[in-house]
């Protein structure tokens, strides 16, 4: 198993014993920034990571990534819709994971101006919440009680 320590060992070698902790942290910060912005790769490291998460069935980590606004600003996010749909429709998946996947798909549909799909997904979210009333935390209640940006559909619990 490759650890973060293994992955950053080359930093310590490159900067040598004279390299300060701050210098190494700055280099790591640059690597992480590049991972998010991805200017050096056609798709970017964040996109590659997201695709790897999908291909290796690491859906819980993918759902955590899809919970960030930054995810929806990336050109690759729509390519992950089939994986998110698979999680959302799998009755054997935990309701909270299905909820997160449906939320992500609904946001993708909204961003693509797919009004009918967005409305259907919003209805599916409400139905899922009603079917499992004891499973929701504050975050899920907030999603269910928030009006969409265009105010075309109102969800109230």
Protein backbone atom coordinates (compact mmCIF):
# COMPACT_ATOMS: atom_id res chain seq x y z
CA UNK A 1 0.00 0.00 0.00
CA UNK A 2 1.32 3.40 -1.00
CA UNK A 3 1.07 5.97 1.77
CA UNK A 4 1.25 9.75 1.71
CA UNK A 5 4.66 9.36 3.34
CA UNK A 6 5.83 7.24 0.40
CA UNK A 7 4.36 9.66 -2.11
CA UNK A 8 6.09 12.68 -0.55
CA UNK A 9 9.43 10.96 0.14
CA UNK A 10 10.78 12.41 -3.10
CA UNK A 11 10.12 15.90 -1.74
CA UNK A 12 12.38 15.22 1.20
CA UNK A 13 15.04 13.83 -1.13
CA UNK A 14 14.76 16.75 -3.52
CA UNK A 15 15.05 19.39 -0.84
CA UNK A 16 17.62 17.38 1.13
CA UNK A 17 18.58 17.85 4.75
CA UNK A 18 19.01 21.58 4.17
CA UNK A 19 15.35 21.87 3.16
CA UNK A 20 13.20 23.33 5.88
CA UNK A 21 9.87 21.98 6.99
CA UNK A 22 8.28 25.15 5.59
CA UNK A 23 9.92 24.61 2.18
CA UNK A 24 8.60 21.06 2.02
CA UNK A 25 5.12 22.20 3.09
CA UNK A 26 5.16 24.88 0.38
CA UNK A 27 6.14 22.28 -2.22
CA UNK A 28 3.36 19.96 -1.02
CA UNK A 29 0.92 22.87 -1.14
CA UNK A 30 1.92 23.47 -4.75
CA UNK A 31 1.37 19.81 -5.59
CA UNK A 32 -2.08 19.88 -3.98
CA UNK A 33 -2.96 23.14 -5.80
CA UNK A 34 -1.90 21.56 -9.08
CA UNK A 35 -4.01 18.53 -8.21
CA UNK A 36 -7.07 20.74 -7.99
CA UNK A 37 -6.35 23.17 -10.81
CA UNK A 38 -4.76 20.59 -13.09
CA UNK A 39 -2.99 23.02 -15.44
CA UNK A 40 -0.20 20.56 -16.24
CA UNK A 41 -2.47 17.72 -17.36
CA UNK A 42 -5.23 17.78 -20.00
CA UNK A 43 -7.86 16.61 -17.55
CA UNK A 44 -6.13 17.36 -14.26
CA UNK A 45 -5.27 15.21 -11.31
CA UNK A 46 -8.56 15.88 -9.56
CA UNK A 47 -10.39 14.55 -12.59
CA UNK A 48 -8.13 11.50 -12.73
CA UNK A 49 -8.71 10.87 -9.03
CA UNK A 50 -12.48 11.18 -9.40
CA UNK A 51 -12.47 8.80 -12.37
CA UNK A 52 -10.31 6.32 -10.45
CA UNK A 53 -12.71 6.49 -7.52
CA UNK A 54 -15.57 5.66 -9.87
CA UNK A 55 -13.72 2.84 -11.67
CA UNK A 56 -12.58 1.23 -8.42
CA UNK A 57 -16.01 1.39 -6.76
CA UNK A 58 -14.85 3.81 -4.06
CA UNK A 59 -18.23 5.48 -4.16
CA UNK A 60 -18.22 6.72 -0.56
CA UNK A 61 -15.10 8.80 -1.25
CA UNK A 62 -16.55 9.92 -4.59
CA UNK A 63 -19.74 11.04 -2.83
CA UNK A 64 -17.67 13.07 -0.35
CA UNK A 65 -15.90 14.72 -3.29
CA UNK A 66 -19.23 15.36 -5.01
CA UNK A 67 -20.40 17.15 -1.88
CA UNK A 68 -18.11 20.09 -2.65
CA UNK A 69 -19.13 22.94 -4.95
CA UNK A 70 -15.73 22.67 -6.62
CA UNK A 71 -16.76 19.27 -8.00
CA UNK A 72 -19.56 20.79 -10.08
CA UNK A 73 -17.26 23.45 -11.53
CA UNK A 74 -15.12 20.76 -13.16
CA UNK A 75 -15.71 19.68 -16.75
CA UNK A 76 -15.39 16.00 -15.79
CA UNK A 77 -18.21 15.97 -13.22
CA UNK A 78 -20.92 15.14 -15.75
CA UNK A 79 -18.91 12.10 -16.88
CA UNK A 80 -19.41 10.63 -13.41
CA UNK A 81 -23.22 10.76 -13.66
CA UNK A 82 -23.51 7.04 -14.56
CA UNK A 83 -21.62 6.05 -11.39
CA UNK A 84 -23.68 8.43 -9.27
CA UNK A 85 -26.88 7.11 -10.88
CA UNK A 86 -25.83 3.56 -10.10
CA UNK A 87 -25.44 4.45 -6.42
CA UNK A 88 -28.69 6.44 -6.35
CA UNK A 89 -30.76 3.60 -7.79
CA UNK A 90 -29.21 0.71 -5.85
CA UNK A 91 -31.69 -0.22 -3.12
CA UNK A 92 -28.93 -2.08 -1.25
CA UNK A 93 -26.90 1.11 -0.76
CA UNK A 94 -27.38 3.03 2.49
CA UNK A 95 -30.12 5.68 2.20
CA UNK A 96 -27.72 8.51 3.09
CA UNK A 97 -25.37 7.46 0.24
CA UNK A 98 -28.30 7.26 -2.16
CA UNK A 99 -29.37 10.72 -0.95
CA UNK A 100 -25.88 12.15 -1.60
CA UNK A 101 -25.77 10.58 -5.06
CA UNK A 102 -29.25 11.90 -5.94
CA UNK A 103 -28.28 15.36 -4.71
CA UNK A 104 -25.18 15.34 -6.92
CA UNK A 105 -27.15 14.15 -9.97
CA UNK A 106 -29.84 16.77 -9.34
CA UNK A 107 -27.19 19.50 -9.22
CA UNK A 108 -25.67 18.22 -12.47
CA UNK A 109 -29.12 18.22 -14.09
CA UNK A 110 -29.76 21.75 -12.84
CA UNK A 111 -26.41 22.96 -14.18
CA UNK A 112 -27.23 21.42 -17.58
CA UNK A 113 -30.69 23.08 -17.63
CA UNK A 114 -32.34 19.66 -17.64
CA UNK A 115 -35.44 20.90 -15.84
CA UNK A 116 -37.50 17.69 -16.14
CA UNK A 117 -34.66 15.50 -14.82
CA UNK A 118 -33.95 17.96 -12.03
CA UNK A 119 -37.61 18.01 -10.97
CA UNK A 120 -37.81 14.21 -11.03
CA UNK A 121 -34.66 13.94 -8.92
CA UNK A 122 -35.98 16.46 -6.42
CA UNK A 123 -39.16 14.38 -6.15
CA UNK A 124 -37.01 11.25 -5.69
CA UNK A 125 -35.08 12.95 -2.89
CA UNK A 126 -38.30 13.85 -1.10
CA UNK A 127 -39.62 10.29 -1.54
CA UNK A 128 -36.38 8.78 -0.23
CA UNK A 129 -36.48 11.08 2.80
CA UNK A 130 -40.11 10.13 3.49
CA UNK A 131 -39.31 6.41 3.18
CA UNK A 132 -36.49 6.63 5.75
CA UNK A 133 -37.53 9.43 8.17
CA UNK A 134 -35.18 8.52 11.03
CA UNK A 135 -31.99 8.49 8.92
CA UNK A 136 -31.40 12.17 8.21
CA UNK A 137 -29.10 14.63 9.87
CA UNK A 138 -28.99 18.40 9.77
CA UNK A 139 -27.28 18.50 6.35
CA UNK A 140 -29.96 16.39 4.69
CA UNK A 141 -32.76 18.42 6.31
CA UNK A 142 -31.10 21.57 5.02
CA UNK A 143 -30.97 20.18 1.46
CA UNK A 144 -34.63 19.20 1.66
CA UNK A 145 -35.73 22.59 2.97
CA UNK A 146 -33.69 24.79 0.62
CA UNK A 147 -35.19 26.38 -2.45
CA UNK A 148 -33.29 25.85 -5.71
CA UNK A 149 -31.46 28.91 -7.06
CA UNK A 150 -34.07 29.57 -9.76
CA UNK A 151 -36.93 29.01 -7.29
CA UNK A 152 -38.75 26.86 -9.89
CA UNK A 153 -39.36 24.01 -7.48
CA UNK A 154 -40.03 24.39 -3.78
CA UNK A 155 -39.24 21.55 -1.40
CA UNK A 156 -40.70 21.71 2.09
CA UNK A 157 -40.76 19.04 4.76
